[in-house]
Amino acid sequence: MTPHRRIGRALRRTPLLAGLPREVAVLTGVAFCVALGFGILIPVIPVFARSFDVNALEASLVISVFALVRFVTSPISGGLVDRLGERIVMTSGLLIVAVSSAAAGFSQTYAQLLVLRGAGGLGSSMFTVSAMALLLRVVGTEQRGRASGAFQGGFLLGGVAGPAVGGLVVAWSIRAPFFVYAGTLLLAALVAVTFLARARLQELEHQVAAGNENRLEQLRAALRDGAYRAAIVVNLVTGFVVFGLRASAVPLFVTEGLSQSASLTGIGFLIAAGLQALLLLPAGRMADTQGRRKALLIGTIGTGIGMLTLTIADVAVNGWSTHAIAGTALFFVAMAIQGAAGAFLGSAPAAVVGDVMGGRRGGIVVAAFQMMSDVGAITGPLLAGFLIDALDFDWAFAAGALLTLVAVAFVVAMPETLHRARQVAAA
């Protein structure tokens, strides 16, 4: 048995990956490599940008341009997936981000850094759209929840490990994280090329006769489906509340609202990440056995309760207690609730998209789904900052809680998609 086969079998024996196709293990490993490097790099970018004697806004723009280009180019990436296939687009995207990151490490001006980070956004959209499209296509209906959870678990573990390693890398050089990130991306590309079986993907193409339909019509048909609409709304809310509002407002709330050190923020996010990782397997299994709708309801309602708890925490600090003890305790409770809810939102929405695609190539459908999260991640911090400046932290958190109610309403109205493919075939 060759070494790569032994590695693949060992990975698939882990509880989160047991019984899933080998492509899921490969994609999970790729996700870990990408998130590890990104976690090492992202805290360094503003500091490196400031070395070019720019203001704080210009330094932050280096981060924003990556997300903006990623959002704008997602439809292009979806079209490339439908034309060229997931494997080619994924590997190309990883290489684009790797080369642009390494080049950014050699930047001599702020303009060079900005352009090169923007170019990396294109590669990132190519990777994320193609990886998710492939993941949803290679697994059966009864596996999509667990497969999506495993894939998100790779990102989660890499994201937690990245900042821990980053301190050592930065101590070497402020430019070093760019080269380490490029190295992890090259490793991810190598893993994808080596372990993703081209024959297996070609076999899938022959099995699905509907793969040549008009892509815009495919997207229109998906948007007419109440389940797909619920999935993209949930992804929008997740991007807005979790990746946008929470990521930007919580660190400020800890230092300014609770008057605690920034290390408390790290503990809170570690609690959330730990619980999310712990519940990824049962959450994915629930989505695959008891239905996507139930898992989505738990995830969206839990996220709303978590934001409401943060709202109460701020009220407790300002009105109910002269000390931050009550607010700090509620902060930890809120992060735990949101971490648990995140496990369900990391598996069920993508599983719904896979059900809607029904095994076909769906690059444009996946791209639209992914774009909703990017929209939320871009607009969430803006609304949070406005509400915090104009009113207070509790208003920002309450806005997040109210927004989750919109997602809950869409989920309540959606049809269940588990076993939909079998029902269609039987009809």
Protein backbone atom coordinates (compact mmCIF):
# COMPACT_ATOMS: atom_id res chain seq x y z
CA MET A 1 0.00 0.00 0.00
CA THR A 2 1.40 3.40 -0.98
CA PRO A 3 2.02 6.03 1.73
CA HIS A 4 -0.73 8.35 0.50
CA ARG A 5 -3.28 5.52 0.67
CA ARG A 6 -2.23 4.71 4.23
CA ILE A 7 -2.59 8.38 5.20
CA GLY A 8 -6.02 8.57 3.56
CA ARG A 9 -7.26 5.49 5.39
CA ALA A 10 -5.91 6.75 8.70
CA LEU A 11 -7.73 10.07 8.25
CA ARG A 12 -11.00 8.39 7.35
CA ARG A 13 -10.87 6.33 10.56
CA THR A 14 -11.15 9.50 12.68
CA PRO A 15 -14.66 9.93 14.15
CA LEU A 16 -15.45 13.08 12.16
CA LEU A 17 -14.44 11.51 8.84
CA ALA A 18 -15.36 7.84 9.38
CA GLY A 19 -17.39 6.41 6.51
CA LEU A 20 -17.04 9.49 4.30
CA PRO A 21 -15.43 9.50 0.82
CA ARG A 22 -11.67 10.10 0.72
CA GLU A 23 -12.25 13.47 -1.00
CA VAL A 24 -13.78 14.79 2.23
CA ALA A 25 -10.62 13.95 4.18
CA VAL A 26 -8.50 15.60 1.50
CA LEU A 27 -10.59 18.77 1.45
CA THR A 28 -10.55 18.91 5.25
CA GLY A 29 -6.75 18.69 5.20
CA VAL A 30 -6.58 21.41 2.56
CA ALA A 31 -8.87 23.63 4.64
CA PHE A 32 -6.64 23.15 7.67
CA CYS A 33 -3.52 24.17 5.73
CA VAL A 34 -5.22 27.28 4.35
CA ALA A 35 -6.64 28.37 7.71
CA LEU A 36 -3.36 27.70 9.52
CA GLY A 37 -1.44 30.04 7.24
CA PHE A 38 -4.20 32.65 7.23
CA GLY A 39 -4.32 32.62 11.04
CA ILE A 40 -0.58 33.26 11.15
CA LEU A 41 -0.75 36.12 8.65
CA ILE A 42 -3.91 38.09 9.41
CA PRO A 43 -2.81 39.70 12.73
CA VAL A 44 0.41 40.92 11.07
CA ILE A 45 -1.09 42.63 8.02
CA PRO A 46 -2.12 45.95 9.66
CA VAL A 47 1.22 46.21 11.48
CA PHE A 48 3.17 45.54 8.27
CA ALA A 49 1.04 48.06 6.36
CA ARG A 50 1.74 50.72 8.99
CA SER A 51 5.46 50.26 8.34
CA PHE A 52 4.85 52.13 5.06
CA ASP A 53 3.82 55.22 7.09
CA VAL A 54 0.08 55.01 6.36
CA ASN A 55 -2.84 55.82 8.67
CA ALA A 56 -5.05 53.26 10.43
CA LEU A 57 -7.76 53.40 7.76
CA GLU A 58 -5.27 52.68 4.98
CA ALA A 59 -3.80 49.82 7.02
CA SER A 60 -7.26 48.31 7.51
CA LEU A 61 -7.94 48.64 3.79
CA VAL A 62 -5.31 45.98 3.11
CA ILE A 63 -7.54 43.49 4.93
CA SER A 64 -10.78 44.78 3.40
CA VAL A 65 -9.51 44.68 -0.19
CA PHE A 66 -8.94 40.92 0.10
CA ALA A 67 -12.56 40.36 1.21
CA LEU A 68 -13.92 42.80 -1.38
CA VAL A 69 -12.12 41.19 -4.34
CA ARG A 70 -13.13 37.76 -3.05
CA PHE A 71 -16.77 38.88 -3.03
CA VAL A 72 -16.70 40.54 -6.45
CA THR A 73 -14.99 37.60 -8.16
CA SER A 74 -17.10 34.80 -6.64
CA PRO A 75 -19.45 34.64 -9.67
CA ILE A 76 -16.41 34.35 -11.95
CA SER A 77 -15.11 31.51 -9.80
CA GLY A 78 -18.47 29.78 -9.97
CA GLY A 79 -18.44 29.99 -13.77
CA LEU A 80 -14.90 28.61 -13.90
CA VAL A 81 -15.94 25.65 -11.76
CA ASP A 82 -18.78 24.86 -14.14
CA ARG A 83 -16.46 25.10 -17.18
CA LEU A 84 -13.17 23.63 -15.97
CA GLY A 85 -14.09 21.50 -12.98
CA GLU A 86 -13.45 21.83 -9.28
CA ARG A 87 -10.00 20.24 -9.15
CA ILE A 88 -8.38 22.61 -11.67
CA VAL A 89 -10.01 25.74 -10.23
CA MET A 90 -9.15 24.80 -6.66
CA THR A 91 -5.48 24.14 -7.37
CA SER A 92 -5.18 27.30 -9.49
CA GLY A 93 -6.79 29.39 -6.76
CA LEU A 94 -4.44 28.06 -4.10
CA LEU A 95 -1.44 28.80 -6.30
CA ILE A 96 -2.66 32.35 -7.02
CA VAL A 97 -2.97 33.12 -3.30
CA ALA A 98 0.41 31.48 -2.60
CA VAL A 99 2.27 33.46 -5.26
CA SER A 100 0.57 36.76 -4.43
CA SER A 101 1.26 36.28 -0.70
CA ALA A 102 4.92 35.53 -1.26
CA ALA A 103 5.17 38.57 -3.52
CA ALA A 104 3.42 40.70 -0.89
CA GLY A 105 6.14 39.71 1.56
CA PHE A 106 8.63 41.47 -0.74
CA SER A 107 6.49 44.64 -1.06
CA GLN A 108 8.46 47.86 -1.03
CA THR A 109 5.47 50.22 -1.12
CA TYR A 110 1.98 50.35 0.30
CA ALA A 111 0.48 50.30 -3.22
CA GLN A 112 2.28 47.05 -4.03
CA LEU A 113 0.98 45.44 -0.84
CA LEU A 114 -2.57 46.58 -1.54
CA VAL A 115 -2.60 45.27 -5.14
CA LEU A 116 -1.05 41.92 -4.22
CA ARG A 117 -3.50 41.32 -1.37
CA GLY A 118 -6.33 42.14 -3.75
CA ALA A 119 -5.01 39.56 -6.23
CA GLY A 120 -5.07 37.02 -3.40
CA GLY A 121 -8.81 37.63 -3.00
CA LEU A 122 -9.39 36.22 -6.51
CA GLY A 123 -7.51 33.04 -5.63
CA SER A 124 -9.40 32.75 -2.36
CA SER A 125 -12.79 32.90 -4.08
CA MET A 126 -11.63 30.26 -6.59
CA PHE A 127 -10.61 27.94 -3.76
CA THR A 128 -13.65 28.37 -1.51
CA VAL A 129 -16.26 28.03 -4.27
CA SER A 130 -14.59 25.03 -5.93
CA ALA A 131 -13.88 23.23 -2.64
CA MET A 132 -17.46 23.57 -1.41
CA ALA A 133 -18.90 22.61 -4.81
CA LEU A 134 -16.74 19.48 -4.90
CA LEU A 135 -17.50 18.56 -1.30
CA LEU A 136 -21.26 18.68 -1.87
CA ARG A 137 -20.98 16.69 -5.09
CA VAL A 138 -18.92 13.72 -3.90
CA VAL A 139 -21.08 12.80 -0.88
CA GLY A 140 -24.54 11.29 -0.73
CA THR A 141 -27.63 12.85 0.82
CA GLU A 142 -27.10 11.06 4.14
CA GLN A 143 -23.52 12.35 4.41
CA ARG A 144 -23.72 16.03 3.48
CA GLY A 145 -24.19 17.34 7.01
CA ARG A 146 -21.22 15.42 8.41
CA ALA A 147 -19.06 16.22 5.37
CA SER A 148 -19.79 19.95 5.67
CA GLY A 149 -19.05 19.79 9.40
CA ALA A 150 -15.72 18.04 8.77
CA PHE A 151 -14.73 20.64 6.18
CA GLN A 152 -15.57 23.48 8.56
CA GLY A 153 -13.66 21.62 11.27
CA GLY A 154 -10.52 21.83 9.15
CA PHE A 155 -10.89 25.61 8.93
CA LEU A 156 -11.69 25.84 12.63
CA LEU A 157 -8.67 23.87 13.82
CA GLY A 158 -6.35 25.71 11.45
CA GLY A 159 -7.76 29.05 12.54
CA VAL A 160 -7.13 28.23 16.21
CA ALA A 161 -3.62 26.89 15.61
CA GLY A 162 -2.55 29.76 13.32
CA PRO A 163 -2.39 32.62 15.85
CA ALA A 164 -0.66 30.32 18.36
CA VAL A 165 2.15 29.68 15.87
CA GLY A 166 2.11 33.22 14.53
CA GLY A 167 3.91 34.72 17.53
CA LEU A 168 6.97 32.60 16.87
CA VAL A 169 6.95 33.47 13.17
CA VAL A 170 6.65 37.23 13.77
CA ALA A 171 9.56 37.09 16.21
CA TRP A 172 11.71 36.02 13.25
CA SER A 173 10.58 38.80 10.88
CA ILE A 174 7.52 40.96 10.20
CA ARG A 175 7.62 39.71 6.60
CA ALA A 176 7.99 36.04 7.52
CA PRO A 177 4.22 35.32 7.93
CA PHE A 178 3.67 36.08 4.24
CA PHE A 179 6.16 33.40 3.24
CA VAL A 180 4.85 30.90 5.79
CA TYR A 181 1.31 31.49 4.48
CA ALA A 182 2.55 30.93 0.93
CA GLY A 183 4.17 27.70 2.10
CA THR A 184 0.98 26.37 3.71
CA LEU A 185 -0.93 27.21 0.52
CA LEU A 186 1.60 25.38 -1.63
CA LEU A 187 1.25 22.41 0.71
CA ALA A 188 -2.54 22.60 0.34
CA ALA A 189 -2.21 22.68 -3.47
CA LEU A 190 0.13 19.68 -3.36
CA VAL A 191 -2.32 17.75 -1.19
CA ALA A 192 -5.17 18.56 -3.57
CA VAL A 193 -3.24 17.50 -6.67
CA THR A 194 -1.88 14.33 -5.07
CA PHE A 195 -4.93 13.00 -3.27
CA LEU A 196 -7.93 14.10 -5.35
CA ALA A 197 -8.55 11.31 -7.84
CA ARG A 198 -9.24 12.67 -11.31
CA ALA A 199 -10.81 9.37 -12.38
CA ARG A 200 -13.31 9.58 -9.52
CA LEU A 201 -14.37 13.09 -10.54
CA GLN A 202 -14.72 12.09 -14.20
CA GLU A 203 -16.88 9.17 -13.11
CA LEU A 204 -19.17 11.59 -11.29
CA GLU A 205 -19.49 13.66 -14.46
CA HIS A 206 -20.75 10.64 -16.41
CA GLN A 207 -23.20 9.74 -13.65
CA VAL A 208 -24.95 13.11 -13.73
CA ALA A 209 -26.62 13.75 -17.06
CA ALA A 210 -28.08 17.10 -16.05
CA GLY A 211 -24.69 18.72 -15.65
CA ASN A 212 -24.82 20.74 -18.88
CA GLU A 213 -27.89 22.83 -18.17
CA ASN A 214 -27.74 26.60 -18.41
CA ARG A 215 -26.00 27.87 -15.28
CA LEU A 216 -28.09 31.03 -14.89
CA GLU A 217 -31.24 28.96 -15.18
CA GLN A 218 -29.81 26.63 -12.56
CA LEU A 219 -29.36 29.60 -10.22
CA ARG A 220 -32.85 30.92 -10.98
CA ALA A 221 -34.32 27.50 -10.23
CA ALA A 222 -32.42 27.37 -6.95
CA LEU A 223 -33.68 30.82 -5.94
CA ARG A 224 -37.25 29.64 -6.54
CA ASP A 225 -36.64 26.91 -3.96
CA GLY A 226 -37.63 27.92 -0.43
CA ALA A 227 -34.92 25.69 1.04
CA TYR A 228 -32.16 27.40 -0.94
CA ARG A 229 -33.52 30.84 -0.01
CA ALA A 230 -33.41 29.82 3.66
CA ALA A 231 -29.83 28.57 3.27
CA ILE A 232 -28.54 31.81 1.74
CA VAL A 233 -30.37 33.96 4.30
CA VAL A 234 -28.87 31.88 7.12
CA ASN A 235 -25.44 32.26 5.53
CA LEU A 236 -25.97 36.02 5.25
CA VAL A 237 -26.92 36.23 8.92
CA THR A 238 -23.98 34.03 9.91
CA GLY A 239 -21.58 36.28 8.02
CA PHE A 240 -23.17 39.41 9.44
CA VAL A 241 -23.51 38.32 13.07
CA VAL A 242 -20.64 35.87 13.59
CA PHE A 243 -17.90 36.93 11.16
CA GLY A 244 -18.83 40.60 11.05
CA LEU A 245 -20.60 42.07 14.06
CA ARG A 246 -19.30 39.65 16.72
CA ALA A 247 -15.72 39.67 15.45
CA SER A 248 -15.56 43.47 15.45
CA ALA A 249 -17.72 44.39 18.46
CA VAL A 250 -16.79 41.75 21.03
CA PRO A 251 -13.09 42.73 21.37
CA LEU A 252 -14.12 46.35 21.94
CA PHE A 253 -16.84 45.31 24.38
CA VAL A 254 -14.36 43.35 26.48
CA THR A 255 -11.81 46.15 26.73
CA GLU A 256 -14.17 49.14 26.86
CA GLY A 257 -17.50 47.76 28.12
CA LEU A 258 -16.20 45.21 30.63
CA SER A 259 -12.92 47.10 31.26
CA GLN A 260 -11.01 43.81 31.00
CA SER A 261 -7.76 42.95 29.25
CA ALA A 262 -7.70 41.81 25.64
CA SER A 263 -6.68 38.33 26.80
CA LEU A 264 -10.25 37.81 28.01
CA THR A 265 -11.39 38.16 24.39
CA GLY A 266 -9.08 35.34 23.40
CA ILE A 267 -10.47 33.13 26.15
CA GLY A 268 -14.03 33.83 25.02
CA PHE A 269 -13.30 33.03 21.39
CA LEU A 270 -11.40 29.89 22.46
CA ILE A 271 -14.46 28.71 24.40
CA ALA A 272 -16.63 29.28 21.33
CA ALA A 273 -14.20 27.48 19.03
CA GLY A 274 -13.77 24.57 21.44
CA LEU A 275 -17.50 23.95 21.80
CA GLN A 276 -18.03 24.31 18.08
CA ALA A 277 -15.33 21.73 17.36
CA LEU A 278 -16.76 19.38 20.00
CA LEU A 279 -20.27 19.53 18.52
CA LEU A 280 -19.43 19.44 14.80
CA LEU A 281 -19.85 15.66 14.60
CA PRO A 282 -23.20 15.41 16.43
CA ALA A 283 -24.52 18.50 14.63
CA GLY A 284 -23.63 17.06 11.22
CA ARG A 285 -25.10 13.70 12.18
CA MET A 286 -28.34 15.36 13.26
CA ALA A 287 -28.59 17.17 9.93
CA ASP A 288 -28.11 13.84 8.13
CA THR A 289 -30.56 11.82 10.24
CA GLN A 290 -33.17 14.16 11.73
CA GLY A 291 -33.28 16.76 8.98
CA ARG A 292 -31.63 19.98 7.84
CA ARG A 293 -34.49 22.13 9.10
CA LYS A 294 -34.13 21.02 12.73
CA ALA A 295 -30.37 21.62 12.69
CA LEU A 296 -30.86 25.05 11.09
CA LEU A 297 -33.41 26.03 13.73
CA ILE A 298 -31.04 25.08 16.55
CA GLY A 299 -28.21 27.03 14.93
CA THR A 300 -30.16 30.21 14.18
CA ILE A 301 -32.08 30.30 17.46
CA GLY A 302 -28.86 29.59 19.39
CA THR A 303 -27.05 32.40 17.60
CA GLY A 304 -29.89 34.79 18.46
CA ILE A 305 -29.87 33.74 22.12
CA GLY A 306 -26.10 34.24 22.21
CA MET A 307 -26.42 37.79 20.88
CA LEU A 308 -29.27 38.50 23.31
CA THR A 309 -27.07 37.29 26.16
CA LEU A 310 -24.36 39.72 25.08
CA THR A 311 -26.99 42.48 25.08
CA ILE A 312 -27.94 41.59 28.66
CA ALA A 313 -24.25 41.48 29.61
CA ASP A 314 -23.80 45.11 28.55
CA VAL A 315 -26.98 46.12 30.38
CA ALA A 316 -25.72 44.31 33.48
CA VAL A 317 -22.46 46.24 33.42
CA ASN A 318 -24.16 49.61 32.93
CA GLY A 319 -27.22 49.23 35.11
CA TRP A 320 -27.42 46.19 37.33
CA SER A 321 -23.94 45.97 38.82
CA THR A 322 -21.21 48.34 39.80
CA HIS A 323 -18.68 45.66 38.85
CA ALA A 324 -18.03 43.76 35.67
CA ILE A 325 -18.40 40.32 37.30
CA ALA A 326 -21.95 39.74 36.08
CA GLY A 327 -21.14 41.06 32.63
CA THR A 328 -18.02 38.91 32.37
CA ALA A 329 -19.91 35.76 33.38
CA LEU A 330 -22.64 36.49 30.83
CA PHE A 331 -19.98 37.15 28.19
CA PHE A 332 -18.57 33.64 28.67
CA VAL A 333 -22.08 32.14 28.59
CA ALA A 334 -22.85 34.01 25.37
CA MET A 335 -19.68 32.82 23.67
CA ALA A 336 -20.40 29.23 24.72
CA ILE A 337 -23.93 29.41 23.31
CA GLN A 338 -22.71 30.89 20.05
CA GLY A 339 -19.98 28.28 19.77
CA ALA A 340 -22.52 25.49 20.14
CA ALA A 341 -24.85 27.14 17.62
CA GLY A 342 -21.96 27.57 15.19
CA ALA A 343 -21.55 23.80 14.92
CA PHE A 344 -25.05 23.53 13.43
CA LEU A 345 -24.57 26.54 11.14
CA GLY A 346 -21.30 25.05 9.91
CA SER A 347 -22.98 21.95 8.50
CA ALA A 348 -26.71 22.30 7.83
CA PRO A 349 -26.83 25.29 5.40
CA ALA A 350 -24.24 23.78 3.06
CA ALA A 351 -26.03 20.42 3.24
CA VAL A 352 -29.22 22.14 2.04
CA VAL A 353 -27.34 23.62 -0.92
CA GLY A 354 -26.01 20.16 -1.75
CA ASP A 355 -29.54 18.74 -1.65
CA VAL A 356 -30.77 21.47 -3.99
CA MET A 357 -27.90 20.79 -6.42
CA GLY A 358 -28.70 17.09 -6.35
CA GLY A 359 -25.19 15.92 -7.28
CA ARG A 360 -24.80 18.24 -10.27
CA ARG A 361 -22.01 20.70 -10.82
CA GLY A 362 -23.26 23.84 -9.15
CA GLY A 363 -20.46 26.38 -9.17
CA ILE A 364 -22.76 29.37 -9.64
CA VAL A 365 -25.22 28.11 -7.02
CA VAL A 366 -22.42 27.60 -4.48
CA ALA A 367 -20.88 30.98 -5.40
CA ALA A 368 -24.15 32.81 -4.64
CA PHE A 369 -24.39 30.94 -1.33
CA GLN A 370 -20.82 31.88 -0.38
CA MET A 371 -21.29 35.50 -1.42
CA MET A 372 -24.02 35.98 1.16
CA SER A 373 -21.56 35.25 3.95
CA ASP A 374 -19.12 37.76 2.46
CA VAL A 375 -21.83 40.42 2.27
CA GLY A 376 -22.57 39.91 5.94
CA ALA A 377 -18.90 39.92 6.92
CA ILE A 378 -18.36 43.22 5.09
CA THR A 379 -21.48 45.06 6.33
CA GLY A 380 -21.60 43.64 9.87
CA PRO A 381 -18.63 45.60 11.24
CA LEU A 382 -19.92 48.81 9.63
CA LEU A 383 -23.32 48.59 11.33
CA ALA A 384 -21.72 47.51 14.60
CA GLY A 385 -19.35 50.47 14.56
CA PHE A 386 -22.17 52.90 13.76
CA LEU A 387 -24.43 51.63 16.55
CA ILE A 388 -21.62 51.54 19.11
CA ASP A 389 -20.58 55.11 18.29
CA ALA A 390 -24.13 56.46 18.15
CA LEU A 391 -25.67 54.45 21.01
CA ASP A 392 -23.90 51.63 22.86
CA PHE A 393 -22.76 48.01 22.65
CA ASP A 394 -26.13 46.64 23.68
CA TRP A 395 -27.78 48.20 20.60
CA ALA A 396 -25.25 46.52 18.31
CA PHE A 397 -25.77 43.13 19.94
CA ALA A 398 -29.56 43.56 19.93
CA ALA A 399 -29.43 44.31 16.19
CA GLY A 400 -27.66 40.99 15.67
CA ALA A 401 -30.28 39.18 17.75
CA LEU A 402 -33.11 40.75 15.76
CA LEU A 403 -31.49 39.84 12.45
CA THR A 404 -31.38 36.18 13.46
CA LEU A 405 -35.18 36.27 13.74
CA VAL A 406 -35.33 36.89 9.99
CA ALA A 407 -33.27 33.74 9.42
CA VAL A 408 -35.49 31.77 11.81
CA ALA A 409 -38.58 32.84 9.83
CA PHE A 410 -37.06 31.61 6.56
CA VAL A 411 -36.07 28.30 8.16
CA VAL A 412 -39.54 27.75 9.61
CA ALA A 413 -41.06 28.27 6.15
CA MET A 414 -38.56 26.09 4.24
CA PRO A 415 -39.32 22.57 3.00
CA GLU A 416 -37.19 19.73 4.35
CA THR A 417 -34.59 18.64 1.77
CA LEU A 418 -33.20 15.49 3.41
CA HIS A 419 -33.83 12.52 1.10
CA ARG A 420 -35.21 14.84 -1.58
CA ALA A 421 -33.08 13.16 -4.25
CA ARG A 422 -34.54 9.76 -3.40
CA GLN A 423 -38.08 11.09 -3.47
CA VAL A 424 -37.53 12.64 -6.90
CA ALA A 425 -36.03 9.42 -8.24
CA ALA A 426 -38.93 7.36 -6.88
CA ALA A 427 -41.44 9.68 -8.50
